[in-house]
Amino acid sequence: MEIVKLTPFVADNIWGGTKLIEEYGIETDKRPAAEAWVLSCHPHGPSVIQNGGFRGKTLQEAYLADKSICGSKGEKYEFFPLLIKLIDAKRDLSIQVHPDNEYAMRVEGEYGKTEAWYILDCDPGAELLLGFKKEIGVEEFKKAAQSDEMLDICCHVKVKKGDVFFIESGTLHAICKGIVLAEVQQNSNLTYRIYDYGRLGKDGKPRELHLEKAAEVVRRCPPDIPDSSERKTEEYKNASRTMLTKCELFDMRELEVAGDFTFEVDGESFVSLLCLEGGGSVECSGTQLTLKKGESVFVPASSGKVTINGKLKILETRL
């Protein structure tokens, strides 16, 4: 399959805003536009291919037709392994946790969820909730979750543009209001809500909580906060590439290009190119696609040489 541009699925969660539409060019009639699933094979919201032989079909359909587009690193997975999103939190998200693969497959029949966040923009003073201020017992956790005391026992972390957070499954977390971020995660939509500020959903009823399951999977301890000064950057002619986070599931890098930059895509993994700033083009094997802020290009494994031209900041993701 040739390189393809993807149309995202858009989720209109109640906490979302309109920045993905106004600042990232996401086209949708939904208001709010809380999430854009810019690379997704998940049945709740697949991305759609804009060009080539699979034009108009979902990325999931292309994957099922030829799983080699995922690369050799993807062979061990039962499903397409990753999901990539843009998220606009106008209001606080629920305090939540995701189970690991073992628990999720046994109890829910799908993958668990480890993820990473790259802060693209935020209001002054914006913060995340991440883990606990101190180690606590399970009964203390359950009791706190019944009231606003939950906010007191969570660790509040101030954020700034450019910060990266690795959220391993089992980590309590919440994106708070005033944050726009890119998220790379396992291909799962499995979330256990712990606390939701007593608010109502679109149906006028309180949103479902999952406290008992959350108590079985949450790590009741303080978090590991990453040090951004430890990032490593590789310099090339007309480009630089910075490792943002790396785990057994994915590599997430920031790629900045000013001019022409060519790199190789081998048979190990596909490459996702999500444009965060600027614009230009991506060319591979005679196919050339424009790429601007908010747009996503999927490069199948074994595509060979890929050339990016323009002035762009890109989130580059591989297995």
C-alpha atoms as a PDB file:
ATOM      1  CA  MET A   1       0.000   0.000   0.000  1.00  0.00           C
ATOM      2  CA  GLU A   2       1.186   3.527  -0.809  1.00  0.00           C
ATOM      3  CA  ILE A   3       1.525   6.239   1.826  1.00  0.00           C
ATOM      4  CA  VAL A   4      -1.931   7.552   2.757  1.00  0.00           C
ATOM      5  CA  LYS A   5      -3.448  10.573   4.430  1.00  0.00           C
ATOM      6  CA  LEU A   6      -6.059   9.817   7.068  1.00  0.00           C
ATOM      7  CA  THR A   7      -9.332  11.518   7.979  1.00  0.00           C
ATOM      8  CA  PRO A   8      -9.786  11.266  11.762  1.00  0.00           C
ATOM      9  CA  PHE A   9     -12.772  10.106  13.736  1.00  0.00           C
ATOM     10  CA  VAL A  10     -13.921  12.933  16.034  1.00  0.00           C
ATOM     11  CA  ALA A  11     -15.341  12.329  19.519  1.00  0.00           C
ATOM     12  CA  ASP A  12     -17.637  14.959  21.079  1.00  0.00           C
ATOM     13  CA  ASN A  13     -17.009  14.180  24.771  1.00  0.00           C
ATOM     14  CA  ILE A  14     -18.653  16.673  27.131  1.00  0.00           C
ATOM     15  CA  TRP A  15     -15.312  18.051  28.404  1.00  0.00           C
ATOM     16  CA  GLY A  16     -14.007  19.050  24.951  1.00  0.00           C
ATOM     17  CA  GLY A  17     -13.631  22.435  23.244  1.00  0.00           C
ATOM     18  CA  THR A  18     -13.230  23.741  19.696  1.00  0.00           C
ATOM     19  CA  LYS A  19      -9.465  24.253  19.385  1.00  0.00           C
ATOM     20  CA  LEU A  20      -9.024  21.141  17.232  1.00  0.00           C
ATOM     21  CA  ILE A  21     -11.341  22.771  14.701  1.00  0.00           C
ATOM     22  CA  GLU A  22     -10.082  26.338  14.990  1.00  0.00           C
ATOM     23  CA  GLU A  23      -6.338  25.702  15.391  1.00  0.00           C
ATOM     24  CA  TYR A  24      -5.708  22.239  13.921  1.00  0.00           C
ATOM     25  CA  GLY A  25      -8.077  22.298  10.954  1.00  0.00           C
ATOM     26  CA  ILE A  26     -10.093  19.244  12.012  1.00  0.00           C
ATOM     27  CA  GLU A  27     -13.265  19.171   9.903  1.00  0.00           C
ATOM     28  CA  THR A  28     -16.368  18.059  11.762  1.00  0.00           C
ATOM     29  CA  ASP A  29     -19.930  19.091  12.537  1.00  0.00           C
ATOM     30  CA  LYS A  30     -19.531  17.860  16.109  1.00  0.00           C
ATOM     31  CA  ARG A  31     -19.450  20.381  18.939  1.00  0.00           C
ATOM     32  CA  PRO A  32     -17.498  20.067  21.079  1.00  0.00           C
ATOM     33  CA  ALA A  33     -14.627  18.349  19.271  1.00  0.00           C
ATOM     34  CA  ALA A  34     -12.860  16.756  22.215  1.00  0.00           C
ATOM     35  CA  GLU A  35     -10.728  14.160  20.434  1.00  0.00           C
ATOM     36  CA  ALA A  36      -9.518  13.570  16.878  1.00  0.00           C
ATOM     37  CA  TRP A  37      -8.420   9.952  16.387  1.00  0.00           C
ATOM     38  CA  VAL A  38      -5.828  10.745  13.724  1.00  0.00           C
ATOM     39  CA  LEU A  39      -4.607   7.141  13.427  1.00  0.00           C
ATOM     40  CA  SER A  40      -7.142   4.562  14.486  1.00  0.00           C
ATOM     41  CA  CYS A  41      -8.197   1.024  13.670  1.00  0.00           C
ATOM     42  CA  HIS A  42     -10.484   0.875  16.704  1.00  0.00           C
ATOM     43  CA  PRO A  43     -14.121  -0.117  15.980  1.00  0.00           C
ATOM     44  CA  HIS A  44     -15.401   2.814  18.079  1.00  0.00           C
ATOM     45  CA  GLY A  45     -13.784   5.308  15.691  1.00  0.00           C
ATOM     46  CA  PRO A  46     -11.658   4.196  12.723  1.00  0.00           C
ATOM     47  CA  SER A  47      -9.647   6.625  10.588  1.00  0.00           C
ATOM     48  CA  VAL A  48     -10.586   6.781   6.898  1.00  0.00           C
ATOM     49  CA  ILE A  49      -8.104   6.729   4.018  1.00  0.00           C
ATOM     50  CA  GLN A  50      -8.193   9.724   1.669  1.00  0.00           C
ATOM     51  CA  ASN A  51      -6.128   8.507  -1.314  1.00  0.00           C
ATOM     52  CA  GLY A  52      -4.850   5.518  -3.280  1.00  0.00           C
ATOM     53  CA  GLY A  53      -6.304   2.066  -3.747  1.00  0.00           C
ATOM     54  CA  PHE A  54      -8.051   2.061  -0.373  1.00  0.00           C
ATOM     55  CA  ARG A  55      -9.536   5.540  -0.742  1.00  0.00           C
ATOM     56  CA  GLY A  56     -12.793   5.811   1.224  1.00  0.00           C
ATOM     57  CA  LYS A  57     -12.071   2.673   3.242  1.00  0.00           C
ATOM     58  CA  THR A  58     -10.953   2.561   6.848  1.00  0.00           C
ATOM     59  CA  LEU A  59      -7.371   1.982   7.900  1.00  0.00           C
ATOM     60  CA  GLN A  60      -8.665  -1.138   9.643  1.00  0.00           C
ATOM     61  CA  GLU A  61      -9.886  -2.515   6.305  1.00  0.00           C
ATOM     62  CA  ALA A  62      -6.477  -1.895   4.756  1.00  0.00           C
ATOM     63  CA  TYR A  63      -4.788  -3.572   7.724  1.00  0.00           C
ATOM     64  CA  LEU A  64      -7.012  -6.651   7.507  1.00  0.00           C
ATOM     65  CA  ALA A  65      -6.311  -6.885   3.765  1.00  0.00           C
ATOM     66  CA  ASP A  66      -2.545  -6.871   4.355  1.00  0.00           C
ATOM     67  CA  LYS A  67      -1.253  -6.971   7.923  1.00  0.00           C
ATOM     68  CA  SER A  68       2.326  -6.555   6.673  1.00  0.00           C
ATOM     69  CA  ILE A  69       1.689  -2.786   6.482  1.00  0.00           C
ATOM     70  CA  CYS A  70       2.154  -2.841  10.270  1.00  0.00           C
ATOM     71  CA  GLY A  71       5.643  -4.353  10.021  1.00  0.00           C
ATOM     72  CA  SER A  72       7.352  -7.322  11.663  1.00  0.00           C
ATOM     73  CA  LYS A  73       7.074  -5.730  15.116  1.00  0.00           C
ATOM     74  CA  GLY A  74       3.310  -5.840  14.712  1.00  0.00           C
ATOM     75  CA  GLU A  75       3.126  -9.586  14.075  1.00  0.00           C
ATOM     76  CA  LYS A  76       2.861 -10.434  17.786  1.00  0.00           C
ATOM     77  CA  TYR A  77      -0.333  -8.401  18.196  1.00  0.00           C
ATOM     78  CA  GLU A  78      -3.817  -9.799  17.667  1.00  0.00           C
ATOM     79  CA  PHE A  79      -5.093  -6.356  16.599  1.00  0.00           C
ATOM     80  CA  PHE A  80      -3.522  -3.233  15.091  1.00  0.00           C
ATOM     81  CA  PRO A  81      -1.462  -2.128  18.099  1.00  0.00           C
ATOM     82  CA  LEU A  82      -1.660   1.688  18.372  1.00  0.00           C
ATOM     83  CA  LEU A  83      -4.123   4.568  18.422  1.00  0.00           C
ATOM     84  CA  ILE A  84      -3.028   8.224  18.117  1.00  0.00           C
ATOM     85  CA  LYS A  85      -5.167  11.212  19.124  1.00  0.00           C
ATOM     86  CA  LEU A  86      -5.291  14.957  19.405  1.00  0.00           C
ATOM     87  CA  ILE A  87      -7.128  16.001  22.584  1.00  0.00           C
ATOM     88  CA  ASP A  88      -8.601  19.380  23.569  1.00  0.00           C
ATOM     89  CA  ALA A  89      -9.600  19.545  27.234  1.00  0.00           C
ATOM     90  CA  LYS A  90     -11.717  22.654  27.769  1.00  0.00           C
ATOM     91  CA  ARG A  91     -12.932  21.133  31.027  1.00  0.00           C
ATOM     92  CA  ASP A  92     -11.418  18.603  33.424  1.00  0.00           C
ATOM     93  CA  LEU A  93     -11.524  14.967  32.356  1.00  0.00           C
ATOM     94  CA  SER A  94     -12.617  12.374  34.887  1.00  0.00           C
ATOM     95  CA  ILE A  95     -10.039  10.920  37.256  1.00  0.00           C
ATOM     96  CA  GLN A  96      -9.440   7.480  35.784  1.00  0.00           C
ATOM     97  CA  VAL A  97      -7.170   4.489  35.328  1.00  0.00           C
ATOM     98  CA  HIS A  98      -6.552   1.936  32.569  1.00  0.00           C
ATOM     99  CA  PRO A  99      -5.876  -1.763  33.243  1.00  0.00           C
ATOM    100  CA  ASP A 100      -2.884  -3.676  31.912  1.00  0.00           C
ATOM    101  CA  ASN A 101      -3.135  -6.231  29.115  1.00  0.00           C
ATOM    102  CA  GLU A 102      -3.479  -9.272  31.369  1.00  0.00           C
ATOM    103  CA  TYR A 103      -6.412  -7.851  33.360  1.00  0.00           C
ATOM    104  CA  ALA A 104      -8.070  -6.213  30.352  1.00  0.00           C
ATOM    105  CA  MET A 105      -7.994  -9.330  28.163  1.00  0.00           C
ATOM    106  CA  ARG A 106      -9.225 -11.540  31.016  1.00  0.00           C
ATOM    107  CA  VAL A 107     -12.029  -9.246  32.159  1.00  0.00           C
ATOM    108  CA  GLU A 108     -12.927  -7.126  29.115  1.00  0.00           C
ATOM    109  CA  GLY A 109     -11.643  -9.046  26.077  1.00  0.00           C
ATOM    110  CA  GLU A 110      -9.505  -6.205  24.703  1.00  0.00           C
ATOM    111  CA  TYR A 111      -6.097  -4.640  25.242  1.00  0.00           C
ATOM    112  CA  GLY A 112      -5.229  -2.628  28.282  1.00  0.00           C
ATOM    113  CA  LYS A 113      -3.929   0.882  27.831  1.00  0.00           C
ATOM    114  CA  THR A 114      -0.504   2.360  28.289  1.00  0.00           C
ATOM    115  CA  GLU A 115      -0.171   5.819  26.745  1.00  0.00           C
ATOM    116  CA  ALA A 116       2.033   8.881  26.413  1.00  0.00           C
ATOM    117  CA  TRP A 117       1.080  12.566  26.290  1.00  0.00           C
ATOM    118  CA  TYR A 118       2.870  15.392  24.503  1.00  0.00           C
ATOM    119  CA  ILE A 119       1.644  18.805  25.691  1.00  0.00           C
ATOM    120  CA  LEU A 120       1.038  20.957  22.589  1.00  0.00           C
ATOM    121  CA  ASP A 121      -0.464  23.986  24.340  1.00  0.00           C
ATOM    122  CA  CYS A 122      -1.861  24.910  27.732  1.00  0.00           C
ATOM    123  CA  ASP A 123      -3.307  27.772  29.721  1.00  0.00           C
ATOM    124  CA  PRO A 124      -1.128  29.372  32.420  1.00  0.00           C
ATOM    125  CA  GLY A 125      -1.268  27.243  35.545  1.00  0.00           C
ATOM    126  CA  ALA A 126      -2.683  24.185  33.765  1.00  0.00           C
ATOM    127  CA  GLU A 127      -2.073  20.866  35.444  1.00  0.00           C
ATOM    128  CA  LEU A 128      -2.510  17.110  35.276  1.00  0.00           C
ATOM    129  CA  LEU A 129      -3.483  14.718  38.015  1.00  0.00           C
ATOM    130  CA  LEU A 130      -0.975  11.878  38.094  1.00  0.00           C
ATOM    131  CA  GLY A 131      -0.775   9.199  40.775  1.00  0.00           C
ATOM    132  CA  PHE A 132      -1.042   9.889  44.492  1.00  0.00           C
ATOM    133  CA  LYS A 133       0.728  12.263  46.861  1.00  0.00           C
ATOM    134  CA  LYS A 134       1.692   9.283  49.027  1.00  0.00           C
ATOM    135  CA  GLU A 135       1.147   5.553  49.078  1.00  0.00           C
ATOM    136  CA  ILE A 136      -2.340   4.699  50.335  1.00  0.00           C
ATOM    137  CA  GLY A 137      -4.371   1.596  51.151  1.00  0.00           C
ATOM    138  CA  VAL A 138      -7.237   0.277  49.051  1.00  0.00           C
ATOM    139  CA  GLU A 139      -9.939   1.199  51.589  1.00  0.00           C
ATOM    140  CA  GLU A 140      -8.591   4.744  51.912  1.00  0.00           C
ATOM    141  CA  PHE A 141      -8.668   4.967  48.114  1.00  0.00           C
ATOM    142  CA  LYS A 142     -12.289   3.775  47.896  1.00  0.00           C
ATOM    143  CA  LYS A 143     -13.427   6.133  50.647  1.00  0.00           C
ATOM    144  CA  ALA A 144     -11.729   9.171  49.056  1.00  0.00           C
ATOM    145  CA  ALA A 145     -13.313   8.379  45.679  1.00  0.00           C
ATOM    146  CA  GLN A 146     -16.766   8.972  47.166  1.00  0.00           C
ATOM    147  CA  SER A 147     -16.200  12.727  47.588  1.00  0.00           C
ATOM    148  CA  ASP A 148     -14.035  15.725  46.722  1.00  0.00           C
ATOM    149  CA  GLU A 149     -11.408  14.213  49.008  1.00  0.00           C
ATOM    150  CA  MET A 150     -10.252  12.405  45.856  1.00  0.00           C
ATOM    151  CA  LEU A 151      -8.783  15.679  44.588  1.00  0.00           C
ATOM    152  CA  ASP A 152      -6.786  16.085  47.800  1.00  0.00           C
ATOM    153  CA  ILE A 153      -4.990  12.730  47.634  1.00  0.00           C
ATOM    154  CA  CYS A 154      -3.994  13.013  43.961  1.00  0.00           C
ATOM    155  CA  CYS A 155      -0.639  14.389  42.851  1.00  0.00           C
ATOM    156  CA  HIS A 156      -1.149  17.695  40.962  1.00  0.00           C
ATOM    157  CA  VAL A 157       1.514  18.310  38.287  1.00  0.00           C
ATOM    158  CA  LYS A 158       1.926  21.703  36.571  1.00  0.00           C
ATOM    159  CA  VAL A 159       2.537  21.451  32.824  1.00  0.00           C
ATOM    160  CA  LYS A 160       4.013  23.568  30.054  1.00  0.00           C
ATOM    161  CA  LYS A 161       4.180  23.296  26.284  1.00  0.00           C
ATOM    162  CA  GLY A 162       6.607  20.582  25.218  1.00  0.00           C
ATOM    163  CA  ASP A 163       6.259  18.403  28.330  1.00  0.00           C
ATOM    164  CA  VAL A 164       5.932  14.654  27.821  1.00  0.00           C
ATOM    165  CA  PHE A 165       4.317  12.215  30.258  1.00  0.00           C
ATOM    166  CA  PHE A 166       4.444   8.413  30.024  1.00  0.00           C
ATOM    167  CA  ILE A 167       1.276   6.962  31.562  1.00  0.00           C
ATOM    168  CA  GLU A 168       1.790   3.269  32.187  1.00  0.00           C
ATOM    169  CA  SER A 169      -1.324   1.138  32.668  1.00  0.00           C
ATOM    170  CA  GLY A 170      -2.387   1.187  36.318  1.00  0.00           C
ATOM    171  CA  THR A 171      -1.447   4.863  36.787  1.00  0.00           C
ATOM    172  CA  LEU A 172      -4.216   7.120  38.100  1.00  0.00           C
ATOM    173  CA  HIS A 173      -4.484  10.198  35.867  1.00  0.00           C
ATOM    174  CA  ALA A 174      -6.626  13.042  34.583  1.00  0.00           C
ATOM    175  CA  ILE A 175      -6.085  15.707  31.946  1.00  0.00           C
ATOM    176  CA  CYS A 176      -7.301  18.963  33.461  1.00  0.00           C
ATOM    177  CA  LYS A 177      -8.858  21.974  31.774  1.00  0.00           C
ATOM    178  CA  GLY A 178      -6.875  24.234  29.455  1.00  0.00           C
ATOM    179  CA  ILE A 179      -4.650  21.568  27.868  1.00  0.00           C
ATOM    180  CA  VAL A 180      -4.243  20.489  24.234  1.00  0.00           C
ATOM    181  CA  LEU A 181      -2.112  17.393  23.735  1.00  0.00           C
ATOM    182  CA  ALA A 182      -1.192  14.581  21.387  1.00  0.00           C
ATOM    183  CA  GLU A 183      -1.638  11.075  22.745  1.00  0.00           C
ATOM    184  CA  VAL A 184      -0.037   7.839  21.584  1.00  0.00           C
ATOM    185  CA  GLN A 185      -1.650   4.793  23.179  1.00  0.00           C
ATOM    186  CA  GLN A 186      -2.421   1.142  22.837  1.00  0.00           C
ATOM    187  CA  ASN A 187      -5.361   0.389  20.564  1.00  0.00           C
ATOM    188  CA  SER A 188      -7.931   0.392  23.356  1.00  0.00           C
ATOM    189  CA  ASN A 189     -10.879   2.494  24.471  1.00  0.00           C
ATOM    190  CA  LEU A 190     -11.010   0.924  27.922  1.00  0.00           C
ATOM    191  CA  THR A 191     -11.259   3.393  30.808  1.00  0.00           C
ATOM    192  CA  TYR A 192     -12.255   2.919  34.451  1.00  0.00           C
ATOM    193  CA  ARG A 193     -13.654   6.188  35.837  1.00  0.00           C
ATOM    194  CA  ILE A 194     -12.919   6.802  39.488  1.00  0.00           C
ATOM    195  CA  TYR A 195     -14.278  10.322  40.082  1.00  0.00           C
ATOM    196  CA  ASP A 196     -16.206  12.661  37.764  1.00  0.00           C
ATOM    197  CA  TYR A 197     -16.887  15.828  39.803  1.00  0.00           C
ATOM    198  CA  GLY A 198     -20.563  14.881  40.200  1.00  0.00           C
ATOM    199  CA  ARG A 199     -21.388  16.096  36.700  1.00  0.00           C
ATOM    200  CA  LEU A 200     -24.001  14.752  34.313  1.00  0.00           C
ATOM    201  CA  GLY A 201     -23.565  13.209  30.883  1.00  0.00           C
ATOM    202  CA  LYS A 202     -25.409  14.152  27.694  1.00  0.00           C
ATOM    203  CA  ASP A 203     -28.389  12.097  28.854  1.00  0.00           C
ATOM    204  CA  GLY A 204     -28.711  14.175  32.016  1.00  0.00           C
ATOM    205  CA  LYS A 205     -27.610  11.301  34.230  1.00  0.00           C
ATOM    206  CA  PRO A 206     -24.342  10.867  36.164  1.00  0.00           C
ATOM    207  CA  ARG A 207     -21.703   9.155  34.059  1.00  0.00           C
ATOM    208  CA  GLU A 208     -20.905   5.567  35.033  1.00  0.00           C
ATOM    209  CA  LEU A 209     -18.081   5.018  37.510  1.00  0.00           C
ATOM    210  CA  HIS A 210     -16.024   1.833  37.802  1.00  0.00           C
ATOM    211  CA  LEU A 211     -14.593   2.039  41.315  1.00  0.00           C
ATOM    212  CA  GLU A 212     -14.370  -1.677  42.109  1.00  0.00           C
ATOM    213  CA  LYS A 213     -12.479  -2.518  38.915  1.00  0.00           C
ATOM    214  CA  ALA A 214     -10.324   0.574  39.320  1.00  0.00           C
ATOM    215  CA  ALA A 215      -9.375  -0.524  42.833  1.00  0.00           C
ATOM    216  CA  GLU A 216      -8.160  -3.846  41.441  1.00  0.00           C
ATOM    217  CA  VAL A 217      -5.790  -2.293  38.891  1.00  0.00           C
ATOM    218  CA  VAL A 218      -4.677   1.136  40.190  1.00  0.00           C
ATOM    219  CA  ARG A 219      -1.192   1.664  41.576  1.00  0.00           C
ATOM    220  CA  ARG A 220      -1.771   3.504  44.844  1.00  0.00           C
ATOM    221  CA  CYS A 221       1.571   5.309  44.977  1.00  0.00           C
ATOM    222  CA  PRO A 222       3.301   8.537  43.821  1.00  0.00           C
ATOM    223  CA  PRO A 223       4.172   8.865  40.111  1.00  0.00           C
ATOM    224  CA  ASP A 224       7.486   9.044  38.274  1.00  0.00           C
ATOM    225  CA  ILE A 225       7.749  12.544  36.774  1.00  0.00           C
ATOM    226  CA  PRO A 226       9.965  12.642  33.641  1.00  0.00           C
ATOM    227  CA  ASP A 227      12.890  15.048  33.249  1.00  0.00           C
ATOM    228  CA  SER A 228      12.696  16.759  29.849  1.00  0.00           C
ATOM    229  CA  SER A 229      16.364  17.786  30.068  1.00  0.00           C
ATOM    230  CA  GLU A 230      17.355  14.158  29.499  1.00  0.00           C
ATOM    231  CA  ARG A 231      15.986  14.024  25.945  1.00  0.00           C
ATOM    232  CA  LYS A 232      18.391  13.102  23.175  1.00  0.00           C
ATOM    233  CA  THR A 233      18.339  14.941  19.833  1.00  0.00           C
ATOM    234  CA  GLU A 234      19.893  13.755  16.564  1.00  0.00           C
ATOM    235  CA  GLU A 235      20.863  16.460  14.074  1.00  0.00           C
ATOM    236  CA  TYR A 236      20.643  16.005  10.288  1.00  0.00           C
ATOM    237  CA  LYS A 237      20.883  18.274   7.308  1.00  0.00           C
ATOM    238  CA  ASN A 238      17.633  20.300   7.346  1.00  0.00           C
ATOM    239  CA  ALA A 239      16.172  18.313  10.260  1.00  0.00           C
ATOM    240  CA  SER A 240      16.416  17.269  13.887  1.00  0.00           C
ATOM    241  CA  ARG A 241      14.818  14.313  15.637  1.00  0.00           C
ATOM    242  CA  THR A 242      14.238  14.197  19.412  1.00  0.00           C
ATOM    243  CA  MET A 243      13.232  11.069  21.341  1.00  0.00           C
ATOM    244  CA  LEU A 244      10.228  11.995  23.482  1.00  0.00           C
ATOM    245  CA  THR A 245       9.540   8.599  25.010  1.00  0.00           C
ATOM    246  CA  LYS A 246      10.308   4.979  24.226  1.00  0.00           C
ATOM    247  CA  CYS A 247       8.793   1.773  25.575  1.00  0.00           C
ATOM    248  CA  GLU A 248       8.224  -1.788  24.401  1.00  0.00           C
ATOM    249  CA  LEU A 249       4.996  -0.662  22.707  1.00  0.00           C
ATOM    250  CA  PHE A 250       6.101   2.419  20.737  1.00  0.00           C
ATOM    251  CA  ASP A 251       8.733   5.060  20.038  1.00  0.00           C
ATOM    252  CA  MET A 252       7.530   8.657  20.014  1.00  0.00           C
ATOM    253  CA  ARG A 253       9.766  11.346  18.503  1.00  0.00           C
ATOM    254  CA  GLU A 254       9.527  15.006  17.580  1.00  0.00           C
ATOM    255  CA  LEU A 255      10.780  15.588  14.038  1.00  0.00           C
ATOM    256  CA  GLU A 256      11.503  19.158  12.933  1.00  0.00           C
ATOM    257  CA  VAL A 257      12.156  19.773   9.235  1.00  0.00           C
ATOM    258  CA  ALA A 258      13.216  22.964   7.455  1.00  0.00           C
ATOM    259  CA  GLY A 259      13.829  22.126   3.794  1.00  0.00           C
ATOM    260  CA  ASP A 260      14.182  18.595   2.367  1.00  0.00           C
ATOM    261  CA  PHE A 261      14.715  15.586   4.631  1.00  0.00           C
ATOM    262  CA  THR A 262      14.833  11.953   3.510  1.00  0.00           C
ATOM    263  CA  PHE A 263      14.700   8.881   5.760  1.00  0.00           C
ATOM    264  CA  GLU A 264      14.140   5.149   5.386  1.00  0.00           C
ATOM    265  CA  VAL A 265      11.113   3.123   6.471  1.00  0.00           C
ATOM    266  CA  ASP A 266      12.144  -0.528   6.795  1.00  0.00           C
ATOM    267  CA  GLY A 267      10.137  -3.688   7.380  1.00  0.00           C
ATOM    268  CA  GLU A 268      10.075  -3.485  11.171  1.00  0.00           C
ATOM    269  CA  SER A 269       7.316  -0.907  11.607  1.00  0.00           C
ATOM    270  CA  PHE A 270       4.950   1.531   9.971  1.00  0.00           C
ATOM    271  CA  VAL A 271       5.547   5.239  10.628  1.00  0.00           C
ATOM    272  CA  SER A 272       2.856   7.725  11.630  1.00  0.00           C
ATOM    273  CA  LEU A 273       3.544  11.370  10.768  1.00  0.00           C
ATOM    274  CA  LEU A 274       1.240  13.803  12.603  1.00  0.00           C
ATOM    275  CA  CYS A 275       1.884  17.445  11.745  1.00  0.00           C
ATOM    276  CA  LEU A 276       1.852  19.648  14.841  1.00  0.00           C
ATOM    277  CA  GLU A 277       3.055  22.920  13.287  1.00  0.00           C
ATOM    278  CA  GLY A 278       3.746  24.336   9.830  1.00  0.00           C
ATOM    279  CA  GLY A 279       3.198  22.578   6.525  1.00  0.00           C
ATOM    280  CA  GLY A 280       4.774  20.951   3.506  1.00  0.00           C
ATOM    281  CA  SER A 281       4.655  17.626   1.682  1.00  0.00           C
ATOM    282  CA  VAL A 282       5.537  13.937   2.075  1.00  0.00           C
ATOM    283  CA  GLU A 283       6.702  11.872  -0.921  1.00  0.00           C
ATOM    284  CA  CYS A 284       7.333   8.144  -1.266  1.00  0.00           C
ATOM    285  CA  SER A 285       7.532   5.870  -4.341  1.00  0.00           C
ATOM    286  CA  GLY A 286       5.881   8.423  -6.618  1.00  0.00           C
ATOM    287  CA  THR A 287       3.060   9.347  -4.230  1.00  0.00           C
ATOM    288  CA  GLN A 288       3.164  12.917  -2.931  1.00  0.00           C
ATOM    289  CA  LEU A 289       0.816  14.199  -0.244  1.00  0.00           C
ATOM    290  CA  THR A 290       0.480  17.632   1.301  1.00  0.00           C
ATOM    291  CA  LEU A 291       0.788  17.753   5.082  1.00  0.00           C
ATOM    292  CA  LYS A 292      -0.322  20.602   7.314  1.00  0.00           C
ATOM    293  CA  LYS A 293      -1.049  21.189  10.985  1.00  0.00           C
ATOM    294  CA  GLY A 294      -3.520  18.633  12.318  1.00  0.00           C
ATOM    295  CA  GLU A 295      -3.100  16.195   9.407  1.00  0.00           C
ATOM    296  CA  SER A 296      -1.780  12.644   9.653  1.00  0.00           C
ATOM    297  CA  VAL A 297       0.038  10.486   7.098  1.00  0.00           C
ATOM    298  CA  PHE A 298       0.440   6.723   7.502  1.00  0.00           C
ATOM    299  CA  VAL A 299       3.589   5.237   5.981  1.00  0.00           C
ATOM    300  CA  PRO A 300       3.365   1.413   5.659  1.00  0.00           C
ATOM    301  CA  ALA A 301       6.299  -0.731   6.738  1.00  0.00           C
ATOM    302  CA  SER A 302       8.867  -1.456   3.979  1.00  0.00           C
ATOM    303  CA  SER A 303       7.982   1.756   2.122  1.00  0.00           C
ATOM    304  CA  GLY A 304      11.653   2.614   1.614  1.00  0.00           C
ATOM    305  CA  LYS A 305      12.749   6.205   1.168  1.00  0.00           C
ATOM    306  CA  VAL A 306      10.397   8.935   2.383  1.00  0.00           C
ATOM    307  CA  THR A 307      11.084  12.615   1.704  1.00  0.00           C
ATOM    308  CA  ILE A 308       9.539  15.445   3.715  1.00  0.00           C
ATOM    309  CA  ASN A 309       9.717  18.940   2.278  1.00  0.00           C
ATOM    310  CA  GLY A 310       8.720  22.193   3.968  1.00  0.00           C
ATOM    311  CA  LYS A 311       8.860  23.711   7.426  1.00  0.00           C
ATOM    312  CA  LEU A 312       7.113  21.375   9.835  1.00  0.00           C
ATOM    313  CA  LYS A 313       7.086  20.027  13.354  1.00  0.00           C
ATOM    314  CA  ILE A 314       5.927  16.409  13.293  1.00  0.00           C
ATOM    315  CA  LEU A 315       5.073  13.767  15.881  1.00  0.00           C
ATOM    316  CA  GLU A 316       6.724  10.637  14.465  1.00  0.00           C
ATOM    317  CA  THR A 317       5.553   7.335  15.919  1.00  0.00           C
ATOM    318  CA  ARG A 318       6.770   3.775  15.292  1.00  0.00           C
ATOM    319  CA  LEU A 319       6.396   0.415  16.983  1.00  0.00           C
END
